[in-house]
């Protein structure tokens, strides 16, 4: 297997194409990782959730990380890690355009609402909670790609 670092542009293109990964946050030295659908634009990952542990913890500690990967086989995969800061897009007149932009970007993704809606059902809410739109401002972006070793050439 050949392992190669991918460029920042390749990382951004990968996030823009993929739209699904795992979000890590922490509170009092305890990590928490959950699946997340996202939309990528301008060095930001946009997401949606309802109130729960993830939002509570990100409000307490906005330092978060998102990992996204695509695995074709044990020796053919791509993985991107985005570290950054959580920021809520408040439901205020001042943030109306930012919320509309986030909703537009997310609406282009199938099932972007699914994890937030499913979580509210698990919490046995009669109806889904108030939608919380947010973004993660990416501060560090790294990625790797694995590919199979080239097959040996037999001459004979």
Protein backbone atom coordinates (compact mmCIF):
# COMPACT_ATOMS: atom_id res chain seq x y z
CA UNK A 1 0.00 0.00 0.00
CA UNK A 2 1.20 3.49 -0.86
CA UNK A 3 0.22 6.27 1.54
CA UNK A 4 0.33 9.88 0.33
CA UNK A 5 -0.62 13.19 1.86
CA UNK A 6 -3.22 15.05 -0.22
CA UNK A 7 -3.20 18.78 -0.88
CA UNK A 8 -5.41 21.31 0.88
CA UNK A 9 -7.37 21.78 -2.36
CA UNK A 10 -7.91 18.01 -2.63
CA UNK A 11 -9.13 18.00 0.99
CA UNK A 12 -11.60 20.83 0.25
CA UNK A 13 -12.83 19.11 -2.92
CA UNK A 14 -13.26 15.85 -1.00
CA UNK A 15 -15.34 17.53 1.75
CA UNK A 16 -17.47 19.34 -0.84
CA UNK A 17 -18.19 16.05 -2.60
CA UNK A 18 -18.64 13.73 0.37
CA UNK A 19 -20.86 15.62 2.87
CA UNK A 20 -20.81 12.96 5.62
CA UNK A 21 -18.40 12.26 8.45
CA UNK A 22 -17.92 12.09 12.18
CA UNK A 23 -17.89 15.10 14.50
CA UNK A 24 -15.75 14.99 17.63
CA UNK A 25 -16.22 17.33 20.55
CA UNK A 26 -15.11 17.16 24.18
CA UNK A 27 -16.20 18.25 27.63
CA UNK A 28 -14.12 17.89 30.80
CA UNK A 29 -11.59 15.68 28.98
CA UNK A 30 -14.35 13.29 27.82
CA UNK A 31 -14.54 12.89 24.02
CA UNK A 32 -17.83 12.43 22.14
CA UNK A 33 -18.08 11.38 18.48
CA UNK A 34 -21.26 11.39 16.38
CA UNK A 35 -22.13 11.04 12.70
CA UNK A 36 -22.89 14.28 10.88
CA UNK A 37 -24.13 15.37 7.48
CA UNK A 38 -22.57 18.63 6.36
CA UNK A 39 -22.17 21.00 3.45
CA UNK A 40 -18.80 22.59 2.68
CA UNK A 41 -18.23 26.12 1.41
CA UNK A 42 -15.53 28.75 1.93
CA UNK A 43 -13.53 26.89 4.56
CA UNK A 44 -16.64 26.12 6.62
CA UNK A 45 -18.62 22.96 7.29
CA UNK A 46 -22.32 23.76 7.74
CA UNK A 47 -24.50 21.49 9.85
CA UNK A 48 -27.90 21.08 11.45
CA UNK A 49 -28.92 19.60 14.80
CA UNK A 50 -31.54 19.74 17.50
CA UNK A 51 -30.67 20.41 21.13
CA UNK A 52 -28.77 17.56 22.76
CA UNK A 53 -25.40 16.54 24.12
CA UNK A 54 -23.49 17.49 20.96
CA UNK A 55 -24.79 21.08 20.97
CA UNK A 56 -24.43 21.44 24.75
CA UNK A 57 -20.81 20.29 24.60
CA UNK A 58 -19.90 22.43 21.58
CA UNK A 59 -21.34 25.48 23.32
CA UNK A 60 -19.11 24.74 26.32
CA UNK A 61 -16.03 23.95 24.22
CA UNK A 62 -16.19 25.17 20.60
CA UNK A 63 -12.94 23.37 19.62
CA UNK A 64 -14.12 20.49 17.41
CA UNK A 65 -12.90 18.11 14.76
CA UNK A 66 -14.60 16.45 11.78
CA UNK A 67 -13.26 13.31 10.13
CA UNK A 68 -14.57 12.21 6.74
CA UNK A 69 -13.44 9.15 4.85
CA UNK A 70 -14.15 7.03 1.85
CA UNK A 71 -13.01 3.41 1.98
CA UNK A 72 -12.98 1.26 -1.14
CA UNK A 73 -10.78 -1.47 0.34
CA UNK A 74 -8.17 -1.98 3.04
CA UNK A 75 -5.51 -0.53 0.75
CA UNK A 76 -7.57 2.04 -1.15
CA UNK A 77 -9.06 4.87 0.88
CA UNK A 78 -9.08 8.62 1.52
CA UNK A 79 -9.39 10.31 4.91
CA UNK A 80 -9.64 14.04 5.70
CA UNK A 81 -9.45 15.66 9.12
CA UNK A 82 -10.77 19.20 9.68
CA UNK A 83 -10.07 20.92 13.00
CA UNK A 84 -11.82 24.15 13.86
CA UNK A 85 -14.33 26.12 15.89
CA UNK A 86 -18.07 25.63 16.29
CA UNK A 87 -20.23 28.70 15.71
CA UNK A 88 -24.03 28.78 15.89
CA UNK A 89 -26.00 30.74 13.34
CA UNK A 90 -28.56 32.31 15.63
CA UNK A 91 -32.19 32.72 14.58
CA UNK A 92 -32.12 36.51 14.63
CA UNK A 93 -32.90 39.13 11.96
CA UNK A 94 -29.21 40.02 11.84
CA UNK A 95 -28.30 36.41 10.94
CA UNK A 96 -31.16 35.82 8.48
CA UNK A 97 -28.95 35.81 5.36
CA UNK A 98 -26.40 33.50 6.98
CA UNK A 99 -29.19 31.07 8.00
CA UNK A 100 -30.68 31.15 4.51
CA UNK A 101 -27.26 30.43 2.98
CA UNK A 102 -26.69 27.52 5.38
CA UNK A 103 -30.14 26.08 4.62
CA UNK A 104 -29.57 26.45 0.87
CA UNK A 105 -26.23 24.64 1.04
CA UNK A 106 -27.60 21.88 3.26
CA UNK A 107 -30.75 21.42 1.17
CA UNK A 108 -28.55 20.34 -1.75
CA UNK A 109 -27.56 17.29 0.31
CA UNK A 110 -29.92 14.36 0.57
CA UNK A 111 -30.91 13.54 4.15
CA UNK A 112 -29.04 16.53 5.64
CA UNK A 113 -31.72 16.76 8.33
CA UNK A 114 -31.70 13.05 9.20
CA UNK A 115 -29.28 12.86 12.14
CA UNK A 116 -30.86 15.87 13.88
CA UNK A 117 -34.38 14.51 13.41
CA UNK A 118 -33.41 10.97 14.46
CA UNK A 119 -31.71 12.26 17.61
CA UNK A 120 -34.83 14.16 18.63
CA UNK A 121 -36.89 10.97 18.27
CA UNK A 122 -34.42 9.02 20.39
CA UNK A 123 -34.83 11.69 23.07
CA UNK A 124 -38.59 10.94 22.81
CA UNK A 125 -39.59 14.44 21.89
CA UNK A 126 -43.18 14.66 20.65
CA UNK A 127 -41.96 16.74 17.74
CA UNK A 128 -38.49 17.57 16.51
CA UNK A 129 -36.78 20.30 18.52
CA UNK A 130 -35.93 23.73 17.25
CA UNK A 131 -33.43 23.42 14.41
CA UNK A 132 -29.97 24.67 15.27
CA UNK A 133 -27.90 25.71 12.28
CA UNK A 134 -24.17 25.99 12.77
CA UNK A 135 -20.86 25.95 11.01
CA UNK A 136 -17.38 24.84 11.83
CA UNK A 137 -14.78 27.36 10.82
CA UNK A 138 -11.89 25.20 9.61
CA UNK A 139 -8.52 26.18 11.05
CA UNK A 140 -6.50 23.09 10.09
CA UNK A 141 -7.12 20.65 7.24
CA UNK A 142 -5.14 17.48 6.50
CA UNK A 143 -5.74 14.40 4.44
CA UNK A 144 -4.23 11.14 3.27
CA UNK A 145 -4.91 8.75 0.44
CA UNK A 146 -3.93 5.10 0.31
CA UNK A 147 -3.57 3.20 -2.94
CA UNK A 148 -2.50 -0.36 -3.73
CA UNK A 149 1.12 -1.10 -4.53
CA UNK A 150 1.66 -1.37 -8.26
CA UNK A 151 1.57 -4.96 -9.43
CA UNK A 152 5.01 -6.40 -10.20
CA UNK A 153 5.74 -6.77 -13.88
CA UNK A 154 6.62 -10.30 -14.90
CA UNK A 155 8.92 -10.63 -17.87
CA UNK A 156 9.31 -13.97 -19.28
